[in-house]
Amino acid sequence: MGLVTGTEKKKMKKKVWESLLPLVFRLHDQKEDVAKAACEALYFVGCFLKWQELTELAQNAEPWETSECPLERKRRKTKDFLHQSEVYLQSPQEILRQDAVGLISEP
């Protein structure tokens, strides 16, 4: 991500924002290696976006604390985040379904 510059960086930022919520949901994945990879990816996303709070949360916080962070940062993307959350309502993993319900039902 650090090698991208100019207009490509702007395109990359859009893709990074689109991947943010799925990564947050995967923090609770039942497969430990998936959860660990999501955590590491969130750290690098935070670095790319120059978002120190996200990098710190990825390193130190509980997953449910991290899931609130994207919505707090980008209120205008709330509709996109909610739409992405709907996919996880059908997840075979109960914890991911619970996360989706929690995010969708946030006031």
N, C-alpha and C. Protein backbone atom coordinates (compact mmCIF):
# COMPACT_ATOMS: atom_id res chain seq x y z
N MET A 1 0.82 -1.20 0.00
CA MET A 1 0.00 0.00 0.00
C MET A 1 0.86 1.26 0.00
N GLY A 2 1.99 1.20 0.65
CA GLY A 2 2.85 2.36 0.76
C GLY A 2 3.50 2.78 -0.54
N LEU A 3 3.51 1.90 -1.53
CA LEU A 3 4.15 2.22 -2.80
C LEU A 3 3.22 2.93 -3.77
N VAL A 4 1.95 3.00 -3.46
CA VAL A 4 0.96 3.62 -4.34
C VAL A 4 1.02 5.13 -4.20
N THR A 5 1.00 5.85 -5.34
CA THR A 5 1.06 7.32 -5.32
C THR A 5 0.05 7.91 -6.28
N GLY A 6 -0.15 9.21 -6.17
CA GLY A 6 -0.98 9.97 -7.10
C GLY A 6 -2.41 9.49 -7.18
N THR A 7 -2.94 9.43 -8.40
CA THR A 7 -4.34 9.04 -8.60
C THR A 7 -4.58 7.60 -8.17
N GLU A 8 -3.55 6.77 -8.29
CA GLU A 8 -3.69 5.38 -7.86
C GLU A 8 -3.90 5.30 -6.35
N LYS A 9 -3.31 6.23 -5.62
CA LYS A 9 -3.48 6.23 -4.16
C LYS A 9 -4.93 6.56 -3.80
N LYS A 10 -5.53 7.47 -4.55
CA LYS A 10 -6.93 7.83 -4.31
C LYS A 10 -7.84 6.62 -4.56
N LYS A 11 -7.56 5.88 -5.62
CA LYS A 11 -8.33 4.67 -5.92
C LYS A 11 -8.12 3.63 -4.83
N MET A 12 -6.89 3.51 -4.39
CA MET A 12 -6.56 2.54 -3.35
C MET A 12 -7.27 2.89 -2.04
N LYS A 13 -7.35 4.17 -1.71
CA LYS A 13 -8.04 4.58 -0.48
C LYS A 13 -9.50 4.14 -0.52
N LYS A 14 -10.13 4.27 -1.68
CA LYS A 14 -11.53 3.85 -1.81
C LYS A 14 -11.65 2.35 -1.54
N LYS A 15 -10.76 1.57 -2.12
CA LYS A 15 -10.78 0.12 -1.91
C LYS A 15 -10.50 -0.24 -0.45
N VAL A 16 -9.59 0.50 0.16
CA VAL A 16 -9.26 0.25 1.57
C VAL A 16 -10.48 0.52 2.43
N TRP A 17 -11.19 1.62 2.17
CA TRP A 17 -12.40 1.92 2.94
C TRP A 17 -13.45 0.83 2.74
N GLU A 18 -13.55 0.30 1.52
CA GLU A 18 -14.53 -0.76 1.25
C GLU A 18 -14.18 -2.05 1.99
N SER A 19 -12.91 -2.26 2.26
CA SER A 19 -12.49 -3.49 2.95
C SER A 19 -12.51 -3.35 4.47
N LEU A 20 -12.69 -2.15 4.97
CA LEU A 20 -12.57 -1.90 6.40
C LEU A 20 -13.57 -2.70 7.23
N LEU A 21 -14.84 -2.60 6.92
CA LEU A 21 -15.84 -3.28 7.75
C LEU A 21 -15.73 -4.81 7.67
N PRO A 22 -15.54 -5.39 6.47
CA PRO A 22 -15.34 -6.84 6.45
C PRO A 22 -14.15 -7.29 7.32
N LEU A 23 -13.10 -6.51 7.33
CA LEU A 23 -11.96 -6.85 8.19
C LEU A 23 -12.34 -6.79 9.66
N VAL A 24 -13.12 -5.78 10.03
CA VAL A 24 -13.56 -5.66 11.42
C VAL A 24 -14.40 -6.87 11.83
N PHE A 25 -15.31 -7.29 10.94
CA PHE A 25 -16.12 -8.46 11.25
C PHE A 25 -15.25 -9.71 11.41
N ARG A 26 -14.25 -9.84 10.59
CA ARG A 26 -13.40 -11.04 10.64
C ARG A 26 -12.52 -11.10 11.88
N LEU A 27 -12.48 -10.03 12.67
CA LEU A 27 -11.76 -10.08 13.94
C LEU A 27 -12.34 -11.14 14.87
N HIS A 28 -13.62 -11.45 14.68
CA HIS A 28 -14.29 -12.45 15.50
C HIS A 28 -14.38 -13.81 14.83
N ASP A 29 -13.74 -13.98 13.69
CA ASP A 29 -13.86 -15.24 12.97
C ASP A 29 -13.44 -16.41 13.85
N GLN A 30 -14.14 -17.54 13.70
CA GLN A 30 -13.85 -18.72 14.50
C GLN A 30 -12.48 -19.31 14.19
N LYS A 31 -12.01 -19.08 12.99
CA LYS A 31 -10.68 -19.55 12.63
C LYS A 31 -9.66 -18.52 13.10
N GLU A 32 -8.84 -18.93 14.03
CA GLU A 32 -7.90 -18.01 14.66
C GLU A 32 -6.97 -17.34 13.65
N ASP A 33 -6.55 -18.08 12.63
CA ASP A 33 -5.65 -17.49 11.64
C ASP A 33 -6.33 -16.41 10.82
N VAL A 34 -7.64 -16.56 10.58
CA VAL A 34 -8.39 -15.53 9.86
C VAL A 34 -8.51 -14.28 10.72
N ALA A 35 -8.84 -14.45 11.99
CA ALA A 35 -8.95 -13.32 12.91
C ALA A 35 -7.61 -12.59 13.04
N LYS A 36 -6.53 -13.35 13.12
CA LYS A 36 -5.21 -12.74 13.24
C LYS A 36 -4.85 -11.97 11.97
N ALA A 37 -5.14 -12.54 10.82
CA ALA A 37 -4.85 -11.86 9.55
C ALA A 37 -5.67 -10.57 9.42
N ALA A 38 -6.93 -10.61 9.87
CA ALA A 38 -7.77 -9.41 9.83
C ALA A 38 -7.20 -8.33 10.73
N CYS A 39 -6.73 -8.72 11.88
CA CYS A 39 -6.14 -7.76 12.82
C CYS A 39 -4.89 -7.12 12.22
N GLU A 40 -4.05 -7.93 11.62
CA GLU A 40 -2.84 -7.40 10.99
C GLU A 40 -3.18 -6.48 9.82
N ALA A 41 -4.17 -6.88 9.03
CA ALA A 41 -4.58 -6.05 7.90
C ALA A 41 -5.14 -4.72 8.39
N LEU A 42 -5.92 -4.74 9.47
CA LEU A 42 -6.45 -3.49 10.03
C LEU A 42 -5.33 -2.56 10.48
N TYR A 43 -4.30 -3.14 11.02
CA TYR A 43 -3.16 -2.33 11.42
C TYR A 43 -2.58 -1.59 10.21
N PHE A 44 -2.38 -2.32 9.11
CA PHE A 44 -1.81 -1.70 7.91
C PHE A 44 -2.79 -0.72 7.25
N VAL A 45 -4.08 -1.01 7.35
CA VAL A 45 -5.09 -0.06 6.86
C VAL A 45 -4.97 1.25 7.65
N GLY A 46 -4.84 1.14 8.97
CA GLY A 46 -4.67 2.33 9.80
C GLY A 46 -3.43 3.12 9.41
N CYS A 47 -2.35 2.41 9.12
CA CYS A 47 -1.12 3.08 8.68
C CYS A 47 -1.33 3.78 7.35
N PHE A 48 -1.95 3.10 6.40
CA PHE A 48 -2.19 3.65 5.07
C PHE A 48 -3.07 4.90 5.14
N LEU A 49 -4.10 4.84 5.97
CA LEU A 49 -5.04 5.96 6.09
C LEU A 49 -4.54 7.03 7.07
N LYS A 50 -3.37 6.78 7.66
CA LYS A 50 -2.81 7.68 8.68
C LYS A 50 -3.81 7.90 9.81
N TRP A 51 -4.34 6.79 10.27
CA TRP A 51 -5.39 6.77 11.27
C TRP A 51 -4.84 6.04 12.50
N GLN A 52 -4.20 6.78 13.35
CA GLN A 52 -3.50 6.22 14.50
C GLN A 52 -4.43 5.46 15.43
N GLU A 53 -5.64 5.97 15.63
CA GLU A 53 -6.58 5.29 16.52
C GLU A 53 -6.87 3.87 16.04
N LEU A 54 -6.99 3.68 14.73
CA LEU A 54 -7.27 2.35 14.21
C LEU A 54 -6.07 1.42 14.40
N THR A 55 -4.87 1.93 14.18
CA THR A 55 -3.69 1.08 14.38
C THR A 55 -3.57 0.68 15.85
N GLU A 56 -3.86 1.60 16.75
CA GLU A 56 -3.81 1.27 18.18
C GLU A 56 -4.89 0.27 18.56
N LEU A 57 -6.09 0.46 18.03
CA LEU A 57 -7.17 -0.48 18.32
C LEU A 57 -6.84 -1.86 17.78
N ALA A 58 -6.27 -1.91 16.59
CA ALA A 58 -5.92 -3.21 15.99
C ALA A 58 -4.88 -3.93 16.85
N GLN A 59 -4.05 -3.19 17.52
CA GLN A 59 -3.01 -3.81 18.36
C GLN A 59 -3.50 -4.14 19.76
N ASN A 60 -4.38 -3.32 20.32
CA ASN A 60 -4.66 -3.41 21.75
C ASN A 60 -6.09 -3.69 22.15
N ALA A 61 -7.05 -3.39 21.31
CA ALA A 61 -8.45 -3.39 21.75
C ALA A 61 -9.14 -4.73 21.53
N GLU A 62 -10.25 -4.83 22.18
CA GLU A 62 -11.14 -5.96 21.93
C GLU A 62 -11.84 -5.72 20.58
N PRO A 63 -12.18 -6.78 19.86
CA PRO A 63 -12.79 -6.61 18.54
C PRO A 63 -14.04 -5.74 18.52
N TRP A 64 -14.88 -5.82 19.56
CA TRP A 64 -16.11 -5.02 19.53
C TRP A 64 -15.80 -3.53 19.63
N GLU A 65 -14.71 -3.16 20.27
CA GLU A 65 -14.32 -1.75 20.32
C GLU A 65 -13.88 -1.29 18.93
N THR A 66 -13.17 -2.13 18.22
CA THR A 66 -12.69 -1.79 16.89
C THR A 66 -13.86 -1.63 15.92
N SER A 67 -14.91 -2.42 16.08
CA SER A 67 -16.03 -2.37 15.14
C SER A 67 -16.76 -1.04 15.18
N GLU A 68 -16.72 -0.33 16.29
CA GLU A 68 -17.37 0.97 16.37
C GLU A 68 -16.54 2.06 15.71
N CYS A 69 -15.27 1.87 15.64
CA CYS A 69 -14.33 2.87 15.16
C CYS A 69 -14.61 3.36 13.73
N PRO A 70 -14.84 2.49 12.75
CA PRO A 70 -15.08 2.98 11.38
C PRO A 70 -16.30 3.89 11.28
N LEU A 71 -17.37 3.55 11.99
CA LEU A 71 -18.57 4.37 11.92
C LEU A 71 -18.35 5.73 12.56
N GLU A 72 -17.59 5.77 13.62
CA GLU A 72 -17.31 7.05 14.27
C GLU A 72 -16.48 7.95 13.37
N ARG A 73 -15.59 7.37 12.61
CA ARG A 73 -14.67 8.16 11.78
C ARG A 73 -15.35 8.70 10.52
N LYS A 74 -16.19 7.92 9.91
CA LYS A 74 -16.79 8.30 8.63
C LYS A 74 -18.30 8.17 8.68
N ARG A 75 -18.94 9.11 9.30
CA ARG A 75 -20.41 9.09 9.40
C ARG A 75 -21.08 9.05 8.03
N ARG A 76 -20.48 9.69 7.04
CA ARG A 76 -21.10 9.71 5.71
C ARG A 76 -21.07 8.34 5.04
N LYS A 77 -20.27 7.44 5.55
CA LYS A 77 -20.20 6.09 5.00
C LYS A 77 -21.10 5.12 5.76
N THR A 78 -21.87 5.60 6.69
CA THR A 78 -22.70 4.74 7.52
C THR A 78 -23.61 3.87 6.67
N LYS A 79 -24.23 4.42 5.66
CA LYS A 79 -25.13 3.64 4.80
C LYS A 79 -24.38 2.50 4.13
N ASP A 80 -23.17 2.77 3.65
CA ASP A 80 -22.35 1.72 3.03
C ASP A 80 -22.00 0.64 4.04
N PHE A 81 -21.61 1.06 5.25
CA PHE A 81 -21.26 0.10 6.29
C PHE A 81 -22.46 -0.77 6.65
N LEU A 82 -23.63 -0.17 6.75
CA LEU A 82 -24.82 -0.94 7.10
C LEU A 82 -25.15 -1.94 5.99
N HIS A 83 -25.00 -1.52 4.75
CA HIS A 83 -25.25 -2.42 3.62
C HIS A 83 -24.27 -3.60 3.66
N GLN A 84 -23.01 -3.32 3.94
CA GLN A 84 -22.02 -4.40 4.04
C GLN A 84 -22.34 -5.34 5.19
N SER A 85 -22.89 -4.81 6.26
CA SER A 85 -23.22 -5.63 7.43
C SER A 85 -24.30 -6.65 7.14
N GLU A 86 -25.20 -6.33 6.23
CA GLU A 86 -26.31 -7.24 5.92
C GLU A 86 -25.83 -8.60 5.46
N VAL A 87 -24.71 -8.65 4.77
CA VAL A 87 -24.15 -9.91 4.29
C VAL A 87 -23.84 -10.84 5.46
N TYR A 88 -23.38 -10.27 6.55
CA TYR A 88 -22.96 -11.07 7.71
C TYR A 88 -24.15 -11.59 8.51
N LEU A 89 -25.35 -11.11 8.23
CA LEU A 89 -26.54 -11.65 8.89
C LEU A 89 -26.77 -13.10 8.48
N GLN A 90 -26.22 -13.50 7.33
CA GLN A 90 -26.38 -14.86 6.82
C GLN A 90 -25.17 -15.74 7.12
N SER A 91 -24.22 -15.25 7.87
CA SER A 91 -22.99 -16.01 8.15
C SER A 91 -23.30 -17.28 8.94
N PRO A 92 -22.59 -18.36 8.63
CA PRO A 92 -22.77 -19.57 9.44
C PRO A 92 -22.17 -19.42 10.85
N GLN A 93 -21.36 -18.41 11.05
CA GLN A 93 -20.75 -18.18 12.36
C GLN A 93 -21.65 -17.25 13.19
N GLU A 94 -22.11 -17.75 14.29
CA GLU A 94 -23.03 -16.99 15.14
C GLU A 94 -22.45 -15.64 15.58
N ILE A 95 -21.18 -15.62 15.93
CA ILE A 95 -20.57 -14.37 16.42
C ILE A 95 -20.57 -13.29 15.34
N LEU A 96 -20.39 -13.69 14.09
CA LEU A 96 -20.42 -12.70 13.00
C LEU A 96 -21.84 -12.19 12.79
N ARG A 97 -22.83 -13.08 12.92
CA ARG A 97 -24.23 -12.62 12.83
C ARG A 97 -24.55 -11.64 13.95
N GLN A 98 -24.07 -11.95 15.17
CA GLN A 98 -24.30 -11.06 16.31
C GLN A 98 -23.63 -9.70 16.10
N ASP A 99 -22.42 -9.70 15.56
CA ASP A 99 -21.74 -8.45 15.27
C ASP A 99 -22.54 -7.61 14.27
N ALA A 100 -23.07 -8.27 13.25
CA ALA A 100 -23.85 -7.56 12.24
C ALA A 100 -25.11 -6.96 12.85
N VAL A 101 -25.80 -7.74 13.64
CA VAL A 101 -27.01 -7.23 14.31
C VAL A 101 -26.65 -6.05 15.21
N GLY A 102 -25.56 -6.17 15.95
CA GLY A 102 -25.14 -5.09 16.83
C GLY A 102 -24.83 -3.82 16.08
N LEU A 103 -24.16 -3.96 14.94
CA LEU A 103 -23.81 -2.78 14.15
C LEU A 103 -25.04 -2.15 13.52
N ILE A 104 -25.92 -2.99 13.00
CA ILE A 104 -27.14 -2.48 12.34
C ILE A 104 -28.06 -1.81 13.35
N SER A 105 -28.12 -2.34 14.55
CA SER A 105 -29.06 -1.80 15.55
C SER A 105 -28.47 -0.63 16.35
N GLU A 106 -27.21 -0.23 16.07
CA GLU A 106 -26.63 0.92 16.76
C GLU A 106 -27.46 2.16 16.45
N PRO A 107 -27.71 2.99 17.48
CA PRO A 107 -28.51 4.21 17.25
C PRO A 107 -27.76 5.24 16.42
